[in-house]
Amino acid sequence: MSVYVYQTFIIKQEKFQDAIDNLREIKKFRNENFNHHVEILTPISGEDHTYGMLSTYDGLAEMEIQSKRMFDDEEYLELIGPFFLENIVEGSMYTQMYRALSDKKNTDKKNEKKE
């Protein structure tokens, strides 16, 4: 069952271009080197400098494995360190996790057999 990690954060206005460039690098690196998919979400409405990152994993266990792999990877740490420390407003990151709702099983066929 898929797990979605949705993170929002505010980019410092004076660091906007650096942050966007860094976000693109992070997305590319994660998509190419780890077993999950990352999308960067840009605002259409609301706070202009609030951006988001949506990561999709095959399940909770896979999310844990990939998270460990990412934080053991020196090259990845070099990408995210400056991003969080230099480009994001302190205290603005908010993370939520979601699981896909499973499809409802078709019980009509079971009821037809009983009749």
C-alpha atoms as a PDB file:
ATOM      1  CA  MET A   1       0.000   0.000   0.000  1.00  0.00           C
ATOM      2  CA  SER A   2       1.541   3.316  -1.087  1.00  0.00           C
ATOM      3  CA  VAL A   3       2.713   5.855   1.474  1.00  0.00           C
ATOM      4  CA  TYR A   4       2.894   9.561   0.643  1.00  0.00           C
ATOM      5  CA  VAL A   5       5.089  11.995   2.542  1.00  0.00           C
ATOM      6  CA  TYR A   6       4.028  15.598   2.024  1.00  0.00           C
ATOM      7  CA  GLN A   7       6.399  18.284   3.289  1.00  0.00           C
ATOM      8  CA  THR A   8       5.815  22.007   3.054  1.00  0.00           C
ATOM      9  CA  PHE A   9       8.325  24.734   3.815  1.00  0.00           C
ATOM     10  CA  ILE A  10       8.837  28.450   3.270  1.00  0.00           C
ATOM     11  CA  ILE A  11      11.718  29.522   1.071  1.00  0.00           C
ATOM     12  CA  LYS A  12      13.602  32.642   2.169  1.00  0.00           C
ATOM     13  CA  GLN A  13      12.808  35.358  -0.343  1.00  0.00           C
ATOM     14  CA  GLU A  14      16.446  36.452  -0.657  1.00  0.00           C
ATOM     15  CA  LYS A  15      17.505  32.834  -1.327  1.00  0.00           C
ATOM     16  CA  PHE A  16      14.734  31.990  -3.766  1.00  0.00           C
ATOM     17  CA  GLN A  17      16.778  31.108  -6.879  1.00  0.00           C
ATOM     18  CA  ASP A  18      19.380  29.142  -4.909  1.00  0.00           C
ATOM     19  CA  ALA A  19      16.608  27.197  -3.177  1.00  0.00           C
ATOM     20  CA  ILE A  20      14.827  26.347  -6.435  1.00  0.00           C
ATOM     21  CA  ASP A  21      18.089  25.183  -8.029  1.00  0.00           C
ATOM     22  CA  ASN A  22      18.874  23.098  -4.947  1.00  0.00           C
ATOM     23  CA  LEU A  23      15.356  21.599  -4.901  1.00  0.00           C
ATOM     24  CA  ARG A  24      15.732  20.500  -8.513  1.00  0.00           C
ATOM     25  CA  GLU A  25      19.045  18.816  -7.670  1.00  0.00           C
ATOM     26  CA  ILE A  26      17.527  17.067  -4.642  1.00  0.00           C
ATOM     27  CA  LYS A  27      14.577  15.808  -6.699  1.00  0.00           C
ATOM     28  CA  LYS A  28      16.823  14.510  -9.492  1.00  0.00           C
ATOM     29  CA  PHE A  29      19.239  12.842  -7.066  1.00  0.00           C
ATOM     30  CA  ARG A  30      16.508  11.125  -5.059  1.00  0.00           C
ATOM     31  CA  ASN A  31      14.603   9.925  -8.128  1.00  0.00           C
ATOM     32  CA  GLU A  32      17.774   8.518  -9.712  1.00  0.00           C
ATOM     33  CA  ASN A  33      19.381   6.969  -6.627  1.00  0.00           C
ATOM     34  CA  PHE A  34      16.606   5.790  -4.324  1.00  0.00           C
ATOM     35  CA  ASN A  35      13.535   3.581  -4.620  1.00  0.00           C
ATOM     36  CA  HIS A  36      10.794   6.201  -4.407  1.00  0.00           C
ATOM     37  CA  HIS A  37       9.405   9.076  -6.463  1.00  0.00           C
ATOM     38  CA  VAL A  38       9.695  12.775  -5.581  1.00  0.00           C
ATOM     39  CA  GLU A  39       7.753  15.728  -6.973  1.00  0.00           C
ATOM     40  CA  ILE A  40       8.286  19.392  -6.133  1.00  0.00           C
ATOM     41  CA  LEU A  41       5.032  21.293  -5.679  1.00  0.00           C
ATOM     42  CA  THR A  42       4.863  25.002  -6.474  1.00  0.00           C
ATOM     43  CA  PRO A  43       2.126  27.277  -5.156  1.00  0.00           C
ATOM     44  CA  ILE A  44      -0.774  28.312  -7.358  1.00  0.00           C
ATOM     45  CA  SER A  45      -2.568  30.045  -4.520  1.00  0.00           C
ATOM     46  CA  GLY A  46      -1.815  30.822  -0.884  1.00  0.00           C
ATOM     47  CA  GLU A  47       1.593  31.835   0.429  1.00  0.00           C
ATOM     48  CA  ASP A  48       3.869  32.644  -2.520  1.00  0.00           C
ATOM     49  CA  HIS A  49       7.059  31.231  -1.000  1.00  0.00           C
ATOM     50  CA  THR A  50       5.537  28.067   0.492  1.00  0.00           C
ATOM     51  CA  TYR A  51       6.656  25.101  -1.560  1.00  0.00           C
ATOM     52  CA  GLY A  52       6.110  21.404  -1.113  1.00  0.00           C
ATOM     53  CA  MET A  53       7.749  18.083  -1.734  1.00  0.00           C
ATOM     54  CA  LEU A  54       5.674  14.955  -2.294  1.00  0.00           C
ATOM     55  CA  SER A  55       7.489  11.628  -1.939  1.00  0.00           C
ATOM     56  CA  THR A  56       5.790   8.355  -2.839  1.00  0.00           C
ATOM     57  CA  TYR A  57       6.942   5.032  -1.363  1.00  0.00           C
ATOM     58  CA  ASP A  58       5.713   1.463  -1.873  1.00  0.00           C
ATOM     59  CA  GLY A  59       4.911   1.174   1.852  1.00  0.00           C
ATOM     60  CA  LEU A  60       5.994   2.121   5.359  1.00  0.00           C
ATOM     61  CA  ALA A  61       8.825  -0.404   5.435  1.00  0.00           C
ATOM     62  CA  GLU A  62      10.167   0.863   2.104  1.00  0.00           C
ATOM     63  CA  MET A  63       9.969   4.445   3.396  1.00  0.00           C
ATOM     64  CA  GLU A  64      12.099   3.467   6.417  1.00  0.00           C
ATOM     65  CA  ILE A  65      14.656   1.658   4.262  1.00  0.00           C
ATOM     66  CA  GLN A  66      14.969   4.547   1.786  1.00  0.00           C
ATOM     67  CA  SER A  67      15.186   7.108   4.581  1.00  0.00           C
ATOM     68  CA  LYS A  68      18.091   5.213   6.138  1.00  0.00           C
ATOM     69  CA  ARG A  69      19.805   4.912   2.755  1.00  0.00           C
ATOM     70  CA  MET A  70      19.402   8.653   2.108  1.00  0.00           C
ATOM     71  CA  PHE A  71      20.817   9.724   5.460  1.00  0.00           C
ATOM     72  CA  ASP A  72      23.741   7.299   5.088  1.00  0.00           C
ATOM     73  CA  ASP A  73      24.600   8.827   1.679  1.00  0.00           C
ATOM     74  CA  GLU A  74      27.245  11.564   1.978  1.00  0.00           C
ATOM     75  CA  GLU A  75      26.408  13.085  -1.428  1.00  0.00           C
ATOM     76  CA  TYR A  76      22.748  13.410  -0.471  1.00  0.00           C
ATOM     77  CA  LEU A  77      23.653  15.000   2.870  1.00  0.00           C
ATOM     78  CA  GLU A  78      25.754  17.575   1.001  1.00  0.00           C
ATOM     79  CA  LEU A  79      22.656  18.485  -1.048  1.00  0.00           C
ATOM     80  CA  ILE A  80      20.141  18.789   1.778  1.00  0.00           C
ATOM     81  CA  GLY A  81      22.404  20.455   4.351  1.00  0.00           C
ATOM     82  CA  PRO A  82      22.611  23.831   2.586  1.00  0.00           C
ATOM     83  CA  PHE A  83      19.001  23.587   1.475  1.00  0.00           C
ATOM     84  CA  PHE A  84      17.616  23.320   5.001  1.00  0.00           C
ATOM     85  CA  LEU A  85      20.162  25.542   6.737  1.00  0.00           C
ATOM     86  CA  GLU A  86      20.485  28.358   4.218  1.00  0.00           C
ATOM     87  CA  ASN A  87      17.329  28.453   2.072  1.00  0.00           C
ATOM     88  CA  ILE A  88      14.403  27.573   4.326  1.00  0.00           C
ATOM     89  CA  VAL A  89      12.796  29.749   6.991  1.00  0.00           C
ATOM     90  CA  GLU A  90      13.591  28.167  10.353  1.00  0.00           C
ATOM     91  CA  GLY A  91      10.639  26.333  11.856  1.00  0.00           C
ATOM     92  CA  SER A  92       8.586  26.430   8.643  1.00  0.00           C
ATOM     93  CA  MET A  93       8.885  22.788   7.616  1.00  0.00           C
ATOM     94  CA  TYR A  94       5.736  20.745   8.169  1.00  0.00           C
ATOM     95  CA  THR A  95       5.585  17.033   7.351  1.00  0.00           C
ATOM     96  CA  GLN A  96       2.507  14.872   6.927  1.00  0.00           C
ATOM     97  CA  MET A  97       2.262  11.209   5.988  1.00  0.00           C
ATOM     98  CA  TYR A  98      -0.637   9.601   4.174  1.00  0.00           C
ATOM     99  CA  ARG A  99      -1.522   6.090   3.121  1.00  0.00           C
ATOM    100  CA  ALA A 100      -3.626   5.311   0.059  1.00  0.00           C
ATOM    101  CA  LEU A 101      -7.141   4.165   0.894  1.00  0.00           C
ATOM    102  CA  SER A 102      -7.623   0.616  -0.332  1.00  0.00           C
ATOM    103  CA  ASP A 103     -10.410  -0.153  -2.772  1.00  0.00           C
ATOM    104  CA  LYS A 104     -13.637  -1.500  -1.329  1.00  0.00           C
ATOM    105  CA  LYS A 105     -14.037  -5.208  -1.922  1.00  0.00           C
ATOM    106  CA  ASN A 106     -17.002  -6.114  -4.071  1.00  0.00           C
ATOM    107  CA  THR A 107     -19.482  -7.784  -1.700  1.00  0.00           C
ATOM    108  CA  ASP A 108     -22.351  -7.877  -4.226  1.00  0.00           C
ATOM    109  CA  LYS A 109     -21.108 -11.157  -5.744  1.00  0.00           C
ATOM    110  CA  LYS A 110     -21.019 -12.793  -2.311  1.00  0.00           C
ATOM    111  CA  ASN A 111     -24.597 -11.694  -1.631  1.00  0.00           C
ATOM    112  CA  GLU A 112     -25.825 -13.020  -5.025  1.00  0.00           C
ATOM    113  CA  LYS A 113     -24.504 -16.517  -4.272  1.00  0.00           C
ATOM    114  CA  LYS A 114     -26.350 -16.625  -0.947  1.00  0.00           C
ATOM    115  CA  GLU A 115     -29.739 -15.835  -2.536  1.00  0.00           C
END
